[in-house]
Amino acid sequence: MTRSPRRRRTLLVLAVTAALAWTGAVASATAPDPHDAPRSGRPDRPLAGLRVLLTNDDSMRALKPTNSDGLGLYEIRKSLCEAGADVVAIAPWQVQSGKGTAVTNGGTLSLSSRPEPLAGYENDCSGTPSGSPVLGVCLATGPCGPDSPGATPADTVKFALRGGLAAEAGWKDGPDLVVTGINSGPNVSAQVNDSGTVGAAVAAIDEGVPAIALSSSGDASQSRFPVANYRAHARFAARFIAGLRERDLFTDRFALKVDHPDVSAGQRAGRMVWTSVGHGKVVWHAYEARTPGSDVYDIVLGVCADEPSADCTETVRDADSTALLSRGHITVAPVTADRTYGVRTSGAGQRDLARLKRYVEHEAPRS
């Protein structure tokens, strides 16, 4: 994918500033406001001509009544296509939550579709140049079956960008953007390192393609994932992406992580805020012996709300988890693939960051 020098110089904070200016404080569950239309092109199709690779870590099967296994992928696919994008979905066949940036080092991949299109989403992307297939990737030598293991989220991105899209959609020069999600549940604080949703976005920028990772909160119990939350995030995200595109602010220097709060009881999402990835834990993995002295351990998720401890204390002042879960904001944070300790932005970047902070705190419209 060819990238201009100007695009390479695009600063992280300018991208989000533009997106905030575009989306404003939109109430996520409302229809698009015509006053927020792009300055060029058809207002109702601001993503016309944009080619999007869509993936997730929840699979593309969408079979569970909890909506935790891929329904969010269909909601964002619908919103992107409605905005004019050409979307190809290549996702894990089975749920691969928690896989981070893991890849599979050997074996065989196979692609399959759902036996039947997902009811209610059959014609969402009809008429796109690619046909907008939704494909699941499994580790098998034949068609994916009910028990076929899924490829990892990073597998799906690498496969798609290294030949899969050319073979399946005719895209020989790659997509313009990779979108991952919409994940069932937020990806904030320490669990970001485990997230397959974020891991897939990191795999994309490693390949030189801009990427955005989307995650939505569940209901108050965080055990069910209402369609209302996915739909609100999908509509917001399509407009957010349109704002970035209009200003030529897609960049592969970092991925944007966008988390949406719970709005399933009719509440409105708070304004979008710039955050840092927190250091505390919201959930963690615990390992419990089946019986005293047993060599068999169950893997269970600990929840901070149930067992407060030092691990649950958030020490980052502008943490994503605090803004999302406690204050109900839509949160955005930059994520890079460079894990070198102490990396800082340039002096110019620091000045732009200060400008963004002033905008968010004093000038951005409220919901």
Protein backbone atom coordinates (compact mmCIF):
# COMPACT_ATOMS: atom_id res chain seq x y z
CA MET A 1 0.00 0.00 0.00
CA THR A 2 1.51 3.34 -1.07
CA ARG A 3 1.61 6.03 1.62
CA SER A 4 2.45 9.67 0.90
CA PRO A 5 5.08 11.48 3.00
CA ARG A 6 2.39 13.81 4.25
CA ARG A 7 0.34 10.92 5.53
CA ARG A 8 3.37 9.48 7.26
CA ARG A 9 3.80 12.79 9.08
CA THR A 10 0.22 12.89 10.29
CA LEU A 11 0.27 13.30 14.03
CA LEU A 12 -1.83 11.13 16.25
CA VAL A 13 -3.49 14.01 18.02
CA LEU A 14 -4.52 15.74 14.80
CA ALA A 15 -6.36 12.62 13.68
CA VAL A 16 -8.43 12.51 16.81
CA THR A 17 -8.95 16.28 16.85
CA ALA A 18 -10.45 16.08 13.38
CA ALA A 19 -12.59 13.13 14.33
CA LEU A 20 -13.91 14.94 17.38
CA ALA A 21 -14.67 17.99 15.29
CA TRP A 22 -16.53 15.78 12.84
CA THR A 23 -18.50 13.63 15.24
CA GLY A 24 -18.92 16.24 17.96
CA ALA A 25 -20.92 14.97 20.84
CA VAL A 26 -23.31 12.86 18.79
CA ALA A 27 -25.77 10.83 20.74
CA SER A 28 -24.79 7.40 19.54
CA ALA A 29 -28.24 5.96 19.24
CA THR A 30 -29.62 8.72 17.03
CA ALA A 31 -29.76 8.89 13.25
CA PRO A 32 -27.02 10.91 11.47
CA ASP A 33 -27.56 14.66 11.48
CA PRO A 34 -27.37 16.15 7.95
CA HIS A 35 -25.46 19.13 9.36
CA ASP A 36 -22.60 16.74 10.14
CA ALA A 37 -22.21 15.63 6.51
CA PRO A 38 -18.79 15.78 4.83
CA ARG A 39 -17.91 18.95 2.95
CA SER A 40 -17.57 16.98 -0.30
CA GLY A 41 -19.32 14.01 -1.91
CA ARG A 42 -22.81 12.74 -1.15
CA PRO A 43 -23.78 13.52 2.45
CA ASP A 44 -25.53 10.16 2.82
CA ARG A 45 -22.55 8.16 1.50
CA PRO A 46 -19.41 9.73 3.01
CA LEU A 47 -17.49 6.43 2.75
CA ALA A 48 -18.21 5.80 -0.94
CA GLY A 49 -15.26 4.07 -2.57
CA LEU A 50 -13.59 3.17 0.74
CA ARG A 51 -12.49 -0.48 0.94
CA VAL A 52 -12.65 -1.91 4.44
CA LEU A 53 -11.36 -5.23 5.76
CA LEU A 54 -13.51 -6.17 8.74
CA THR A 55 -12.54 -8.71 11.38
CA ASN A 56 -13.00 -9.37 15.11
CA ASP A 57 -12.14 -11.85 17.84
CA ASP A 58 -15.73 -12.91 18.54
CA SER A 59 -16.16 -14.97 15.33
CA MET A 60 -18.65 -14.36 12.53
CA ARG A 61 -21.17 -17.02 13.51
CA ALA A 62 -23.50 -15.00 15.78
CA LEU A 63 -25.26 -18.01 17.26
CA LYS A 64 -25.40 -17.26 21.00
CA PRO A 65 -28.40 -15.62 22.69
CA THR A 66 -25.99 -13.44 24.69
CA ASN A 67 -24.84 -11.80 21.38
CA SER A 68 -21.24 -12.41 22.40
CA ASP A 69 -20.07 -14.28 19.30
CA GLY A 70 -20.07 -11.85 16.43
CA LEU A 71 -23.27 -9.85 16.27
CA GLY A 72 -21.27 -6.64 16.59
CA LEU A 73 -19.46 -7.46 13.34
CA TYR A 74 -22.78 -7.46 11.48
CA GLU A 75 -23.87 -4.13 12.99
CA ILE A 76 -20.68 -2.29 12.02
CA ARG A 77 -20.73 -3.95 8.60
CA LYS A 78 -24.26 -2.63 8.07
CA SER A 79 -23.35 0.94 9.09
CA LEU A 80 -20.20 1.03 6.97
CA CYS A 81 -22.03 -0.23 3.89
CA GLU A 82 -24.88 2.23 4.45
CA ALA A 83 -22.25 4.99 4.40
CA GLY A 84 -20.99 3.70 1.05
CA ALA A 85 -18.00 1.54 1.99
CA ASP A 86 -17.16 -1.73 0.28
CA VAL A 87 -16.68 -4.15 3.19
CA VAL A 88 -15.16 -7.62 3.18
CA ALA A 89 -15.36 -9.54 6.48
CA ILE A 90 -12.73 -12.20 7.19
CA ALA A 91 -12.96 -13.24 10.83
CA PRO A 92 -12.20 -16.20 13.11
CA TRP A 93 -14.57 -19.13 12.74
CA GLN A 94 -14.75 -19.66 16.50
CA VAL A 95 -14.59 -17.15 19.35
CA GLN A 96 -10.96 -16.15 19.87
CA SER A 97 -11.36 -13.63 22.66
CA GLY A 98 -8.19 -13.04 24.69
CA LYS A 99 -5.81 -14.14 21.94
CA GLY A 100 -4.05 -10.77 21.73
CA THR A 101 -1.58 -10.72 18.83
CA ALA A 102 -1.17 -14.52 18.74
CA VAL A 103 -0.55 -16.18 15.37
CA THR A 104 -0.68 -19.78 14.19
CA ASN A 105 2.71 -21.06 13.04
CA GLY A 106 1.70 -24.09 10.99
CA GLY A 107 -1.14 -26.12 9.59
CA THR A 108 -3.86 -25.30 7.09
CA LEU A 109 -6.47 -22.57 6.90
CA SER A 110 -9.92 -22.98 5.39
CA LEU A 111 -12.66 -20.41 4.73
CA SER A 112 -16.40 -20.96 5.15
CA SER A 113 -19.56 -18.89 5.28
CA ARG A 114 -22.48 -19.33 7.65
CA PRO A 115 -24.85 -22.06 6.40
CA GLU A 116 -27.54 -19.35 6.20
CA PRO A 117 -27.14 -15.56 6.14
CA LEU A 118 -27.79 -13.99 9.53
CA ALA A 119 -31.48 -13.16 9.75
CA GLY A 120 -32.13 -9.44 9.52
CA TYR A 121 -28.74 -8.67 7.93
CA GLU A 122 -29.06 -10.52 4.61
CA ASN A 123 -29.06 -7.53 2.26
CA ASP A 124 -26.99 -5.01 4.21
CA CYS A 125 -24.16 -4.76 1.68
CA SER A 126 -25.91 -5.74 -1.54
CA GLY A 127 -24.50 -4.15 -4.67
CA THR A 128 -20.95 -3.52 -3.43
CA PRO A 129 -18.15 -4.16 -5.94
CA SER A 130 -16.75 -7.06 -3.90
CA GLY A 131 -20.10 -8.55 -3.01
CA SER A 132 -19.08 -8.07 0.65
CA PRO A 133 -18.69 -11.70 1.71
CA VAL A 134 -18.58 -12.68 5.38
CA LEU A 135 -16.01 -15.45 5.74
CA GLY A 136 -14.89 -17.43 8.77
CA VAL A 137 -11.34 -18.80 8.96
CA CYS A 138 -10.73 -22.13 10.66
CA LEU A 139 -7.77 -24.46 11.05
CA ALA A 140 -8.87 -27.32 8.83
CA THR A 141 -8.20 -28.98 5.50
CA GLY A 142 -11.84 -28.83 4.44
CA PRO A 143 -14.97 -26.79 5.13
CA CYS A 144 -15.23 -25.39 8.65
CA GLY A 145 -17.48 -27.53 10.83
CA PRO A 146 -19.19 -26.84 14.16
CA ASP A 147 -16.11 -27.91 16.11
CA SER A 148 -13.35 -26.67 13.80
CA PRO A 149 -10.89 -24.49 15.73
CA GLY A 150 -10.77 -20.88 14.64
CA ALA A 151 -7.80 -18.95 13.33
CA THR A 152 -6.66 -16.13 15.59
CA PRO A 153 -7.68 -12.51 14.91
CA ALA A 154 -4.11 -11.66 13.86
CA ASP A 155 -4.15 -14.71 11.56
CA THR A 156 -7.19 -13.38 9.75
CA VAL A 157 -5.62 -9.96 9.15
CA LYS A 158 -2.28 -11.35 7.98
CA PHE A 159 -4.00 -13.87 5.72
CA ALA A 160 -6.27 -11.21 4.23
CA LEU A 161 -3.49 -8.70 3.60
CA ARG A 162 -1.02 -11.27 2.26
CA GLY A 163 -3.23 -12.68 -0.47
CA GLY A 164 -6.63 -13.53 0.98
CA LEU A 165 -8.33 -10.34 -0.15
CA ALA A 166 -6.85 -10.63 -3.62
CA ALA A 167 -8.17 -14.19 -3.94
CA GLU A 168 -11.56 -13.71 -2.32
CA ALA A 169 -12.47 -10.13 -3.28
CA GLY A 170 -10.15 -9.18 -6.13
CA TRP A 171 -8.43 -6.49 -4.04
CA LYS A 172 -4.89 -6.79 -5.33
CA ASP A 173 -3.59 -3.65 -3.64
CA GLY A 174 -5.16 -4.12 -0.24
CA PRO A 175 -7.87 -2.28 1.74
CA ASP A 176 -7.84 1.37 2.72
CA LEU A 177 -8.70 0.58 6.34
CA VAL A 178 -8.97 -2.35 8.72
CA VAL A 179 -11.82 -2.23 11.24
CA THR A 180 -11.87 -4.75 14.08
CA GLY A 181 -14.96 -5.45 16.17
CA ILE A 182 -17.41 -4.51 17.35
CA ASN A 183 -16.24 -6.53 20.36
CA SER A 184 -18.62 -7.91 22.98
CA GLY A 185 -17.45 -6.00 26.03
CA PRO A 186 -15.00 -3.15 26.55
CA ASN A 187 -11.27 -3.48 25.96
CA VAL A 188 -9.74 -1.17 28.53
CA SER A 189 -6.91 -1.00 31.06
CA ALA A 190 -4.66 -4.01 31.60
CA GLN A 191 -6.82 -6.33 29.51
CA VAL A 192 -5.95 -4.40 26.33
CA ASN A 193 -2.79 -6.55 26.10
CA ASP A 194 -4.98 -9.67 25.94
CA SER A 195 -7.50 -8.29 23.47
CA GLY A 196 -7.79 -10.04 20.14
CA THR A 197 -9.75 -7.04 18.86
CA VAL A 198 -6.81 -4.74 19.55
CA GLY A 199 -4.34 -7.46 18.49
CA ALA A 200 -5.93 -7.61 15.03
CA ALA A 201 -5.61 -3.83 14.69
CA VAL A 202 -1.93 -4.02 15.68
CA ALA A 203 -1.44 -6.73 13.03
CA ALA A 204 -2.89 -4.32 10.46
CA ILE A 205 -0.59 -1.40 11.27
CA ASP A 206 2.32 -3.84 11.28
CA GLU A 207 1.39 -4.45 7.64
CA GLY A 208 1.17 -0.73 6.88
CA VAL A 209 -2.63 -0.41 6.87
CA PRO A 210 -4.56 2.06 9.08
CA ALA A 211 -6.74 0.37 11.70
CA ILE A 212 -9.47 1.12 14.21
CA ALA A 213 -10.49 -1.28 17.01
CA LEU A 214 -14.09 -1.01 18.26
CA SER A 215 -15.50 -2.45 21.49
CA SER A 216 -18.89 -1.99 23.17
CA SER A 217 -19.91 -2.42 26.77
CA GLY A 218 -22.43 -5.05 27.74
CA ASP A 219 -25.49 -4.40 29.85
CA ALA A 220 -25.27 -3.59 33.55
CA SER A 221 -24.30 -7.19 34.30
CA GLN A 222 -21.69 -7.30 31.50
CA SER A 223 -22.96 -10.81 30.73
CA ARG A 224 -25.26 -9.91 27.85
CA PHE A 225 -24.53 -7.64 24.92
CA PRO A 226 -27.64 -5.81 23.72
CA VAL A 227 -28.12 -5.03 20.05
CA ALA A 228 -28.76 -1.41 21.10
CA ASN A 229 -25.16 -1.01 22.23
CA TYR A 230 -23.70 -2.48 19.05
CA ARG A 231 -26.02 -0.37 16.90
CA ALA A 232 -25.21 2.87 18.71
CA HIS A 233 -21.49 2.23 18.43
CA ALA A 234 -21.75 1.23 14.78
CA ARG A 235 -23.57 4.40 13.78
CA PHE A 236 -21.15 6.55 15.72
CA ALA A 237 -18.11 4.70 14.35
CA ALA A 238 -19.18 5.11 10.73
CA ARG A 239 -19.39 8.87 11.23
CA PHE A 240 -16.10 8.94 13.12
CA ILE A 241 -14.37 7.12 10.27
CA ALA A 242 -15.97 9.47 7.75
CA GLY A 243 -14.51 12.44 9.60
CA LEU A 244 -11.03 10.93 9.53
CA ARG A 245 -11.34 10.08 5.86
CA GLU A 246 -12.62 13.49 4.80
CA ARG A 247 -9.52 15.12 6.29
CA ASP A 248 -7.10 12.50 4.92
CA LEU A 249 -6.11 11.47 8.45
CA PHE A 250 -5.87 7.69 8.16
CA THR A 251 -2.45 6.65 9.41
CA ASP A 252 -0.58 3.42 10.06
CA ARG A 253 1.64 4.96 12.76
CA PHE A 254 -0.84 3.82 15.41
CA ALA A 255 -4.22 2.18 15.76
CA LEU A 256 -7.17 3.93 17.37
CA LYS A 257 -9.02 2.05 20.11
CA VAL A 258 -12.60 3.26 20.49
CA ASP A 259 -14.80 1.96 23.32
CA HIS A 260 -18.50 2.73 23.69
CA PRO A 261 -20.48 2.75 26.96
CA ASP A 262 -23.69 0.92 27.78
CA VAL A 263 -26.75 2.75 26.40
CA SER A 264 -29.12 -0.21 26.44
CA ALA A 265 -31.39 1.29 29.13
CA GLY A 266 -31.97 4.41 27.05
CA GLN A 267 -29.22 6.58 28.50
CA ARG A 268 -27.10 8.71 26.16
CA ALA A 269 -23.41 8.14 25.60
CA GLY A 270 -21.17 10.86 26.92
CA ARG A 271 -18.98 12.90 24.59
CA MET A 272 -15.88 11.33 23.06
CA VAL A 273 -12.79 11.86 25.22
CA TRP A 274 -9.09 11.31 24.71
CA THR A 275 -7.71 8.77 27.19
CA SER A 276 -4.70 6.66 28.04
CA VAL A 277 -4.77 2.89 28.39
CA GLY A 278 -5.15 2.30 32.12
CA HIS A 279 -2.89 0.12 34.27
CA GLY A 280 -5.47 -1.30 36.67
CA LYS A 281 -7.52 -4.42 36.11
CA VAL A 282 -11.20 -4.66 35.36
CA VAL A 283 -11.12 -8.45 35.06
CA TRP A 284 -8.32 -10.95 35.44
CA HIS A 285 -7.72 -14.65 34.97
CA ALA A 286 -7.90 -16.80 38.08
CA TYR A 287 -7.02 -20.48 38.35
CA GLU A 288 -8.94 -22.58 40.84
CA ALA A 289 -8.21 -26.20 41.74
CA ARG A 290 -11.17 -28.50 41.24
CA THR A 291 -10.54 -30.10 44.64
CA PRO A 292 -7.87 -29.55 47.31
CA GLY A 293 -4.58 -31.01 46.04
CA SER A 294 -5.97 -31.55 42.54
CA ASP A 295 -3.81 -31.11 39.46
CA VAL A 296 -6.89 -29.97 37.54
CA TYR A 297 -7.56 -26.23 37.54
CA ASP A 298 -10.53 -24.28 36.24
CA ILE A 299 -9.85 -21.01 34.43
CA VAL A 300 -12.26 -18.37 35.67
CA LEU A 301 -12.52 -14.61 35.28
CA GLY A 302 -12.18 -12.52 38.40
CA VAL A 303 -14.14 -9.27 38.41
CA CYS A 304 -12.98 -6.22 40.30
CA ALA A 305 -16.51 -5.26 41.28
CA ASP A 306 -16.77 -8.53 43.18
CA GLU A 307 -13.30 -8.69 44.73
CA PRO A 308 -11.75 -5.24 45.17
CA SER A 309 -8.01 -5.37 45.66
CA ALA A 310 -4.86 -3.44 44.90
CA ASP A 311 -4.87 -4.94 41.40
CA CYS A 312 -8.20 -3.23 40.77
CA THR A 313 -6.99 0.24 41.71
CA GLU A 314 -6.55 2.46 38.68
CA THR A 315 -3.55 4.77 38.99
CA VAL A 316 -3.67 6.42 35.55
CA ARG A 317 -5.41 9.79 35.83
CA ASP A 318 -6.96 9.77 32.34
CA ALA A 319 -7.56 6.01 32.12
CA ASP A 320 -9.90 4.63 29.49
CA SER A 321 -11.68 2.40 32.01
CA THR A 322 -12.56 5.28 34.33
CA ALA A 323 -13.92 7.49 31.55
CA LEU A 324 -15.87 4.64 29.96
CA LEU A 325 -17.21 2.61 32.86
CA SER A 326 -17.59 5.24 35.59
CA ARG A 327 -18.47 8.32 33.53
CA GLY A 328 -20.15 6.85 30.46
CA HIS A 329 -18.00 8.54 27.81
CA ILE A 330 -17.02 7.20 24.40
CA THR A 331 -13.27 6.77 24.82
CA VAL A 332 -10.46 6.83 22.29
CA ALA A 333 -6.85 5.87 22.91
CA PRO A 334 -3.88 5.39 20.58
CA VAL A 335 -2.19 1.99 20.47
CA THR A 336 1.12 1.33 18.76
CA ALA A 337 3.03 -1.83 17.98
CA ASP A 338 6.26 -0.32 19.40
CA ARG A 339 6.68 -1.69 22.90
CA THR A 340 9.93 0.17 23.61
CA TYR A 341 9.72 1.68 27.09
CA GLY A 342 9.77 5.46 27.31
CA VAL A 343 8.90 6.36 23.72
CA ARG A 344 7.68 9.97 23.55
CA THR A 345 6.18 12.15 20.89
CA SER A 346 8.16 15.08 19.49
CA GLY A 347 7.96 18.61 20.83
CA ALA A 348 5.51 19.46 18.06
CA GLY A 349 3.45 16.43 19.03
CA GLN A 350 3.36 17.59 22.65
CA ARG A 351 2.13 21.03 21.58
CA ASP A 352 -0.61 19.47 19.46
CA LEU A 353 -1.55 17.21 22.34
CA ALA A 354 -2.01 20.28 24.54
CA ARG A 355 -4.23 21.85 21.85
CA LEU A 356 -6.33 18.69 21.72
CA LYS A 357 -6.66 18.63 25.50
CA ARG A 358 -7.94 22.22 25.51
CA TYR A 359 -10.42 21.34 22.76
CA VAL A 360 -11.75 18.29 24.58
CA GLU A 361 -12.06 20.00 27.96
CA HIS A 362 -13.31 23.45 26.92
CA GLU A 363 -14.53 23.57 23.31
CA ALA A 364 -16.00 20.24 22.22
CA PRO A 365 -19.84 20.22 22.09
CA ARG A 366 -21.63 18.15 24.71
CA SER A 367 -24.25 15.48 24.20
